[in-house]
Amino acid sequence: MSSETQTETWNDRFGASLMRSLTPPKIMLERGQGCRVWDVDGNEYLDFLAGIAVNSLGHAHPALVEAIADQAAKLVHVSNYFATPPQLELAERLKRITGAGDAGRVYFGNSGAEANEAAFKLARLNKGADGQKTRILALKQGFHGRTMGALALTGKPALQQDFLPMVPGVEHIDSTVDALEESIDDTVAALVIEPIKGEAGVVDLPEGFLLAARRLTEAHGALLILDEIQTGVGRTGNWFAFQGHGFRPDAVTVAKGIAGGFPIGALVTFGWASELFSAGQHGSTFGGNPLGTRVANAVLEEIERADLVAGAVTKGERIRAGIQALGSPLVEEVRGTGLLIGVGLTGPIAAAVNAAALERGLIINAPNESSLRIAPPLIVSDAEIDQFVSILDQSLAAVAAAQETTA
């Protein structure tokens, strides 16, 4: 079978069987190793998206593979009527690395959206002494998932439009300290925010915003809930992005990179927020299963052993410096922290740059028409970073040349 025919066969099967909510794939991937993947036709790609900040250890890392194989031979699922050693170990590990400490508690789900659904319910439980806390605040252009509660928190009207009416009680505010001061009062149950807006194009919050959020929520008895699904697990150069700002939230949601590609999510609560849930108020059949928690323990242990959290700082600096050194007229700014990087472009050309990069063997992402998102595995090497910069340079040059031709 020719490579062209094989690709066409995969595309036909995808179109005939997958829900139309999914867009047709650009390529069909078959295997991976480290920071590289190969499609069904044998073409090699440098993966600088890592499954959207999921594959912390890259592809087929021995620590992940061995944990899956070993645990699968012991115990895969038992339901939450029973505890298992990996579940307890992971809960204690998350309390440690988040800084939640002895007063912290952990709820396990299967995805980031489920973690945020749990956070939504946590917010609803913070009613106040006389039940006056009925408002939940989130940010415009924030993204928290596609299930109905998480979608209500998501500040993107275009994503909500076809599913109105939304779950009530959520208000979206501007990402400014002034908006925080104007909006937060004693009727607010919770403020839910991403420390860096990933789906908006890796957009940093204004200087002082997070500290103001902590100060105001604390003053009014509101929960500060941080969605660290994309920013967490070492990606920004701390275990969690909030740790770089010198405060603690009341709750943090975690998923994506926590298990290096195995589906798992978690809500970690701090202090008084840990007392809000009571028995029977929330649950998940698969949440905290022994296979998922064993894999997450293995991934987090390897991140810690290899000091990949600190490595995210130096490697991220190398990537940003490399992009800036290109001097491309198409690059307006470079955003983000650690190994979560956004490239702001001078016009609506992100899809064209993304396509040019893929054609040259580089996987990145265009979350909107004028931004690129770069989130390689935490194990990325200097040589791979240099290769990325070279391919990005070629891709930007190709798009610039195409613009000149059509001008």
Protein backbone atom coordinates (compact mmCIF):
# COMPACT_ATOMS: atom_id res chain seq x y z
CA MET A 1 0.00 0.00 0.00
CA SER A 2 1.43 3.40 -0.94
CA SER A 3 1.88 6.02 1.77
CA GLU A 4 -0.67 8.26 0.06
CA THR A 5 -3.26 5.49 0.04
CA GLN A 6 -2.60 4.65 3.69
CA THR A 7 -3.12 8.27 4.76
CA GLU A 8 -6.31 8.51 2.73
CA THR A 9 -7.57 5.30 4.35
CA TRP A 10 -7.03 6.69 7.86
CA ASN A 11 -8.76 9.94 6.94
CA ASP A 12 -11.73 8.07 5.48
CA ARG A 13 -12.06 5.94 8.61
CA PHE A 14 -11.83 9.01 10.85
CA GLY A 15 -14.49 10.85 8.87
CA ALA A 16 -16.83 7.86 8.90
CA SER A 17 -16.56 7.01 12.60
CA LEU A 18 -15.57 9.99 14.79
CA MET A 19 -18.07 12.53 16.05
CA ARG A 20 -18.24 15.66 13.89
CA SER A 21 -17.39 17.80 16.90
CA LEU A 22 -13.78 16.81 16.12
CA THR A 23 -12.04 18.51 13.20
CA PRO A 24 -10.28 16.29 10.64
CA PRO A 25 -6.72 15.50 11.74
CA LYS A 26 -3.78 16.97 9.85
CA ILE A 27 -1.72 13.80 10.26
CA MET A 28 -2.19 10.33 11.73
CA LEU A 29 0.39 9.54 14.39
CA GLU A 30 1.48 5.97 15.06
CA ARG A 31 4.30 6.02 17.61
CA GLY A 32 6.60 8.29 19.59
CA GLN A 33 9.90 8.34 21.41
CA GLY A 34 11.06 11.19 23.61
CA CYS A 35 10.27 14.49 21.88
CA ARG A 36 9.60 12.89 18.49
CA VAL A 37 6.62 11.20 16.87
CA TRP A 38 6.11 9.35 13.59
CA ASP A 39 3.01 9.23 11.42
CA VAL A 40 1.55 6.18 9.69
CA ASP A 41 3.64 6.95 6.61
CA GLY A 42 6.90 6.96 8.58
CA ASN A 43 7.41 10.73 8.57
CA GLU A 44 9.20 12.08 11.66
CA TYR A 45 8.09 15.18 13.61
CA LEU A 46 9.61 17.16 16.45
CA ASP A 47 6.84 17.44 19.04
CA PHE A 48 6.79 20.88 20.67
CA LEU A 49 3.15 20.65 21.76
CA ALA A 50 3.33 17.48 23.90
CA GLY A 51 -0.37 16.71 23.53
CA ILE A 52 -1.13 20.29 24.66
CA ALA A 53 1.19 20.31 27.69
CA VAL A 54 0.30 16.72 28.63
CA ASN A 55 3.29 14.51 27.79
CA SER A 56 5.59 15.80 30.53
CA LEU A 57 8.12 13.02 29.97
CA GLY A 58 7.68 12.90 26.22
CA HIS A 59 6.65 9.69 24.51
CA ALA A 60 7.30 6.11 25.68
CA HIS A 61 9.36 7.17 28.69
CA PRO A 62 10.55 4.06 30.58
CA ALA A 63 9.20 5.31 33.93
CA LEU A 64 5.70 5.65 32.50
CA VAL A 65 5.79 2.43 30.47
CA GLU A 66 7.05 0.37 33.40
CA ALA A 67 4.48 1.81 35.80
CA ILE A 68 1.61 1.00 33.43
CA ALA A 69 2.79 -2.55 32.79
CA ASP A 70 3.54 -3.34 36.44
CA GLN A 71 0.30 -1.91 37.85
CA ALA A 72 -1.86 -3.42 35.10
CA ALA A 73 -0.60 -6.83 36.17
CA LYS A 74 -1.67 -6.13 39.77
CA LEU A 75 -4.83 -4.03 39.97
CA VAL A 76 -6.46 -1.69 37.45
CA HIS A 77 -9.80 -0.70 38.97
CA VAL A 78 -11.70 -1.31 42.21
CA SER A 79 -14.12 1.69 42.52
CA ASN A 80 -14.10 4.20 45.35
CA TYR A 81 -15.62 1.77 47.80
CA PHE A 82 -12.00 0.79 48.45
CA ALA A 83 -8.65 2.52 48.89
CA THR A 84 -5.43 1.51 47.14
CA PRO A 85 -1.78 2.29 47.95
CA PRO A 86 -1.15 4.33 44.74
CA GLN A 87 -4.23 6.48 45.42
CA LEU A 88 -3.13 7.38 48.93
CA GLU A 89 0.46 7.95 47.83
CA LEU A 90 -0.60 10.33 45.06
CA ALA A 91 -2.94 12.29 47.34
CA GLU A 92 -0.13 12.76 49.86
CA ARG A 93 2.31 13.68 47.07
CA LEU A 94 -0.04 16.32 45.67
CA LYS A 95 -0.55 17.82 49.12
CA ARG A 96 3.23 18.08 49.43
CA ILE A 97 4.08 19.57 46.05
CA THR A 98 1.18 22.04 46.07
CA GLY A 99 2.01 23.13 49.62
CA ALA A 100 -1.51 22.28 50.83
CA GLY A 101 0.06 20.47 53.78
CA ASP A 102 -1.74 18.50 56.48
CA ALA A 103 -4.95 20.51 56.11
CA GLY A 104 -5.17 19.79 52.40
CA ARG A 105 -7.44 17.25 50.73
CA VAL A 106 -7.55 15.74 47.23
CA TYR A 107 -10.40 14.70 44.96
CA PHE A 108 -9.55 12.59 41.91
CA GLY A 109 -11.32 12.68 38.55
CA ASN A 110 -10.33 11.69 35.04
CA SER A 111 -9.67 14.98 33.25
CA GLY A 112 -9.17 18.71 33.63
CA ALA A 113 -12.82 19.42 32.92
CA GLU A 114 -13.84 17.01 35.69
CA ALA A 115 -11.42 18.68 38.09
CA ASN A 116 -13.03 22.03 37.27
CA GLU A 117 -16.52 20.57 37.67
CA ALA A 118 -15.50 19.53 41.18
CA ALA A 119 -14.16 23.04 41.76
CA PHE A 120 -17.47 24.51 40.57
CA LYS A 121 -19.34 22.41 43.12
CA LEU A 122 -16.84 23.43 45.79
CA ALA A 123 -17.64 27.05 45.00
CA ARG A 124 -21.36 26.39 45.34
CA LEU A 125 -20.77 25.01 48.83
CA ASN A 126 -19.27 28.32 49.97
CA LYS A 127 -22.66 29.90 50.58
CA GLY A 128 -21.77 32.17 53.49
CA ALA A 129 -23.43 32.29 56.91
CA ASP A 130 -26.74 33.60 55.56
CA GLY A 131 -26.55 32.09 52.08
CA GLN A 132 -25.68 35.41 50.43
CA LYS A 133 -22.70 34.07 48.46
CA THR A 134 -24.28 33.27 45.10
CA ARG A 135 -21.80 34.70 42.58
CA ILE A 136 -18.85 32.97 40.92
CA LEU A 137 -16.35 35.11 39.03
CA ALA A 138 -14.12 34.04 36.15
CA LEU A 139 -12.10 35.89 33.52
CA LYS A 140 -12.98 36.91 30.01
CA GLN A 141 -11.04 34.76 27.50
CA GLY A 142 -10.32 32.20 30.21
CA PHE A 143 -10.76 28.51 29.38
CA HIS A 144 -11.76 25.80 31.86
CA GLY A 145 -13.21 22.97 29.77
CA ARG A 146 -16.18 21.93 27.66
CA THR A 147 -18.51 20.16 30.08
CA MET A 148 -21.43 22.37 31.08
CA GLY A 149 -20.11 23.64 34.41
CA ALA A 150 -16.58 24.16 33.07
CA LEU A 151 -18.02 25.81 29.97
CA ALA A 152 -19.99 28.22 32.12
CA LEU A 153 -16.69 29.24 33.72
CA THR A 154 -15.06 29.65 30.30
CA GLY A 155 -15.08 33.29 29.21
CA LYS A 156 -15.46 32.65 25.49
CA PRO A 157 -19.01 33.41 24.28
CA ALA A 158 -18.39 31.74 20.90
CA LEU A 159 -17.84 28.39 22.63
CA GLN A 160 -20.99 28.82 24.74
CA GLN A 161 -23.36 30.05 22.05
CA ASP A 162 -24.70 26.72 20.80
CA PHE A 163 -25.30 25.41 24.31
CA LEU A 164 -27.20 28.25 25.96
CA PRO A 165 -28.53 28.69 28.56
CA MET A 166 -25.39 28.28 30.62
CA VAL A 167 -25.33 27.10 34.24
CA PRO A 168 -26.32 30.32 36.06
CA GLY A 169 -24.38 32.33 38.59
CA VAL A 170 -21.11 32.90 36.73
CA GLU A 171 -19.89 36.39 35.78
CA HIS A 172 -16.90 37.09 33.55
CA ILE A 173 -14.73 40.10 34.30
CA ASP A 174 -11.77 41.84 32.68
CA SER A 175 -8.28 40.73 33.66
CA THR A 176 -7.44 43.92 35.54
CA VAL A 177 -6.93 44.77 39.19
CA ASP A 178 -9.60 47.46 38.83
CA ALA A 179 -12.13 44.86 37.68
CA LEU A 180 -11.27 42.69 40.67
CA GLU A 181 -11.79 45.55 43.10
CA GLU A 182 -15.09 46.51 41.47
CA SER A 183 -16.47 42.96 41.34
CA ILE A 184 -15.44 41.15 44.54
CA ASP A 185 -17.67 41.70 47.55
CA ASP A 186 -19.35 39.56 50.21
CA THR A 187 -21.74 38.01 47.66
CA VAL A 188 -18.89 36.28 45.79
CA ALA A 189 -18.45 32.59 46.55
CA ALA A 190 -15.35 32.07 44.40
CA LEU A 191 -13.00 33.52 41.83
CA VAL A 192 -11.77 30.94 39.29
CA ILE A 193 -8.75 31.89 37.16
CA GLU A 194 -5.85 30.50 35.14
CA PRO A 195 -2.49 31.96 36.25
CA ILE A 196 -1.63 32.14 32.54
CA LYS A 197 -4.40 32.00 29.93
CA GLY A 198 -3.28 29.06 27.84
CA GLU A 199 -6.10 28.74 25.29
CA ALA A 200 -6.10 32.50 24.78
CA GLY A 201 -2.59 32.19 23.34
CA VAL A 202 -0.48 31.89 26.51
CA VAL A 203 -1.37 35.34 27.84
CA ASP A 204 0.14 36.49 31.15
CA LEU A 205 -2.02 38.22 33.73
CA PRO A 206 -1.11 41.83 34.59
CA GLU A 207 1.56 42.51 37.20
CA GLY A 208 0.05 42.28 40.69
CA PHE A 209 -3.20 40.67 39.52
CA LEU A 210 -2.79 37.36 41.35
CA LEU A 211 -1.75 38.99 44.63
CA ALA A 212 -4.72 41.35 44.39
CA ALA A 213 -6.98 38.37 43.74
CA ARG A 214 -5.65 36.67 46.87
CA ARG A 215 -6.03 39.79 49.00
CA LEU A 216 -9.59 40.55 47.88
CA THR A 217 -10.94 37.00 48.05
CA GLU A 218 -9.48 36.57 51.51
CA ALA A 219 -11.03 39.85 52.69
CA HIS A 220 -14.51 38.84 51.46
CA GLY A 221 -14.51 35.15 52.36
CA ALA A 222 -14.46 34.03 48.73
CA LEU A 223 -12.55 31.01 47.48
CA LEU A 224 -9.60 31.64 45.20
CA ILE A 225 -9.56 28.65 42.85
CA LEU A 226 -6.66 28.37 40.42
CA ASP A 227 -6.97 26.32 37.25
CA GLU A 228 -3.41 24.99 36.89
CA ILE A 229 -4.35 22.26 34.44
CA GLN A 230 -2.04 23.68 31.78
CA THR A 231 0.41 25.65 33.93
CA GLY A 232 1.00 23.04 36.63
CA VAL A 233 3.33 20.07 37.15
CA GLY A 234 6.56 21.98 36.59
CA ARG A 235 5.74 23.54 33.24
CA THR A 236 6.28 27.13 34.33
CA GLY A 237 9.42 26.52 36.39
CA ASN A 238 7.64 25.86 39.68
CA TRP A 239 5.54 22.83 40.51
CA PHE A 240 2.62 25.24 40.15
CA ALA A 241 2.58 28.74 38.74
CA PHE A 242 1.13 30.34 41.89
CA GLN A 243 4.26 29.30 43.79
CA GLY A 244 6.23 31.87 41.82
CA HIS A 245 4.06 34.63 43.31
CA GLY A 246 4.43 33.87 47.03
CA PHE A 247 0.88 33.00 48.08
CA ARG A 248 -1.43 30.00 48.46
CA PRO A 249 -4.87 29.62 46.86
CA ASP A 250 -7.85 27.90 48.49
CA ALA A 251 -7.97 25.25 45.78
CA VAL A 252 -6.09 24.26 42.64
CA THR A 253 -7.17 22.02 39.77
CA VAL A 254 -4.61 19.73 38.15
CA ALA A 255 -4.61 17.43 35.10
CA LYS A 256 -2.74 17.29 31.75
CA GLY A 257 0.92 16.74 32.68
CA ILE A 258 0.25 15.01 36.00
CA ALA A 259 0.42 11.50 34.51
CA GLY A 260 2.32 12.15 31.29
CA GLY A 261 -0.56 11.18 29.01
CA PHE A 262 -2.65 8.86 31.15
CA PRO A 263 -6.07 10.45 31.84
CA ILE A 264 -6.36 11.75 35.39
CA GLY A 265 -7.36 15.02 37.04
CA ALA A 266 -7.49 16.30 40.60
CA LEU A 267 -8.85 19.06 42.80
CA VAL A 268 -6.56 19.94 45.71
CA THR A 269 -8.02 22.04 48.51
CA PHE A 270 -6.19 24.13 51.13
CA GLY A 271 -7.15 25.07 54.69
CA TRP A 272 -10.83 25.80 55.34
CA ALA A 273 -11.81 24.89 51.77
CA SER A 274 -10.97 21.27 52.65
CA GLU A 275 -13.96 21.17 55.02
CA LEU A 276 -16.62 22.15 52.48
CA PHE A 277 -17.31 18.79 50.83
CA SER A 278 -19.03 16.10 52.88
CA ALA A 279 -19.62 12.42 52.17
CA GLY A 280 -21.75 11.70 49.10
CA GLN A 281 -21.68 15.19 47.61
CA HIS A 282 -19.39 14.27 44.73
CA GLY A 283 -17.79 11.18 43.23
CA SER A 284 -16.43 9.40 40.17
CA THR A 285 -16.44 5.70 39.29
CA PHE A 286 -12.98 5.79 37.71
CA GLY A 287 -11.55 8.67 39.72
CA GLY A 288 -8.37 7.78 41.60
CA ASN A 289 -8.17 4.27 40.15
CA PRO A 290 -4.96 2.39 40.98
CA LEU A 291 -3.63 2.39 37.43
CA GLY A 292 -4.01 6.15 36.89
CA THR A 293 -2.64 7.08 40.30
CA ARG A 294 0.31 4.67 39.97
CA VAL A 295 1.26 6.24 36.64
CA ALA A 296 0.93 9.77 38.05
CA ASN A 297 3.18 8.85 40.97
CA ALA A 298 5.79 7.49 38.56
CA VAL A 299 5.68 10.60 36.37
CA LEU A 300 5.88 13.05 39.29
CA GLU A 301 8.67 11.03 40.89
CA GLU A 302 10.69 11.17 37.66
CA ILE A 303 10.09 14.91 37.25
CA GLU A 304 11.43 15.39 40.77
CA ARG A 305 14.35 12.97 40.37
CA ALA A 306 15.53 14.55 37.11
CA ASP A 307 14.99 18.12 38.40
CA LEU A 308 12.80 18.90 35.39
CA VAL A 309 11.01 21.72 37.23
CA ALA A 310 14.19 23.79 37.42
CA GLY A 311 15.06 22.68 33.90
CA ALA A 312 11.85 24.23 32.59
CA VAL A 313 13.24 27.66 33.54
CA THR A 314 16.55 27.39 31.66
CA LYS A 315 15.06 25.59 28.67
CA GLY A 316 12.22 28.07 28.43
CA GLU A 317 14.71 30.94 28.46
CA ARG A 318 16.65 29.27 25.64
CA ILE A 319 13.50 28.92 23.53
CA ARG A 320 12.38 32.52 24.07
CA ALA A 321 15.88 33.85 23.37
CA GLY A 322 16.05 31.76 20.21
CA ILE A 323 12.74 33.06 18.91
CA GLN A 324 13.62 36.67 19.67
CA ALA A 325 17.04 36.29 18.03
CA LEU A 326 15.36 35.38 14.74
CA GLY A 327 14.31 38.99 14.34
CA SER A 328 11.34 37.94 12.22
CA PRO A 329 9.06 40.82 11.21
CA LEU A 330 6.13 38.45 11.77
CA VAL A 331 6.85 38.06 15.51
CA GLU A 332 5.38 40.81 17.69
CA GLU A 333 6.06 39.39 21.17
CA VAL A 334 7.03 36.27 23.08
CA ARG A 335 4.93 35.49 26.16
CA GLY A 336 4.68 32.92 28.92
CA THR A 337 6.86 31.35 31.56
CA GLY A 338 9.08 28.27 31.61
CA LEU A 339 8.05 25.77 28.95
CA LEU A 340 4.63 27.29 28.30
CA ILE A 341 5.32 29.87 25.62
CA GLY A 342 3.12 32.03 23.42
CA VAL A 343 4.28 33.81 20.29
CA GLY A 344 2.22 36.84 19.34
CA LEU A 345 2.22 37.40 15.58
CA THR A 346 1.72 40.64 13.68
CA GLY A 347 -1.46 39.50 11.97
CA PRO A 348 -3.93 36.63 11.46
CA ILE A 349 -1.25 34.27 10.14
CA ALA A 350 -0.98 31.70 12.93
CA ALA A 351 -2.67 28.93 10.93
CA ALA A 352 -0.30 29.52 8.01
CA VAL A 353 2.79 29.41 10.25
CA ASN A 354 1.48 26.31 12.00
CA ALA A 355 0.91 24.58 8.64
CA ALA A 356 4.36 25.59 7.38
CA ALA A 357 5.95 24.19 10.56
CA LEU A 358 4.08 20.89 10.24
CA GLU A 359 5.16 20.58 6.62
CA ARG A 360 8.77 20.90 7.83
CA GLY A 361 8.39 18.34 10.61
CA LEU A 362 7.50 20.51 13.63
CA ILE A 363 4.37 20.19 15.75
CA ILE A 364 3.20 23.38 17.47
CA ASN A 365 -0.27 24.90 17.85
CA ALA A 366 -2.26 27.97 16.79
CA PRO A 367 -4.81 28.57 19.58
CA ASN A 368 -6.09 31.67 17.79
CA GLU A 369 -5.48 33.46 14.51
CA SER A 370 -2.55 35.56 15.74
CA SER A 371 -0.82 33.34 18.34
CA LEU A 372 1.35 30.25 18.44
CA ARG A 373 1.53 27.99 21.51
CA ILE A 374 4.73 26.10 22.32
CA ALA A 375 4.77 23.48 25.10
CA PRO A 376 7.41 20.79 24.55
CA PRO A 377 7.96 17.86 26.92
CA LEU A 378 9.90 18.79 30.04
CA ILE A 379 12.69 16.44 28.90
CA VAL A 380 13.43 18.50 25.77
CA SER A 381 17.15 18.84 25.01
CA ASP A 382 19.18 21.87 23.93
CA ALA A 383 19.78 20.24 20.54
CA GLU A 384 16.03 19.79 20.05
CA ILE A 385 15.44 23.41 21.04
CA ASP A 386 17.98 24.53 18.44
CA GLN A 387 16.25 22.37 15.82
CA PHE A 388 12.89 23.88 16.79
CA VAL A 389 14.25 27.42 16.37
CA SER A 390 15.66 26.52 12.95
CA ILE A 391 12.38 25.04 11.70
CA LEU A 392 10.36 27.94 13.10
CA ASP A 393 12.71 30.34 11.30
CA GLN A 394 12.13 28.51 8.02
CA SER A 395 8.37 28.46 8.60
CA LEU A 396 8.15 32.17 9.37
CA ALA A 397 10.29 32.94 6.31
CA ALA A 398 8.01 30.84 4.11
CA VAL A 399 4.91 32.67 5.31
CA ALA A 400 6.62 36.05 4.90
CA ALA A 401 7.60 35.12 1.34
CA ALA A 402 4.04 34.06 0.58
CA GLN A 403 2.76 37.40 1.87
CA GLU A 404 5.16 39.27 -0.44
CA THR A 405 4.03 37.19 -3.41
CA THR A 406 0.36 37.99 -2.82
CA ALA A 407 0.94 41.66 -1.94
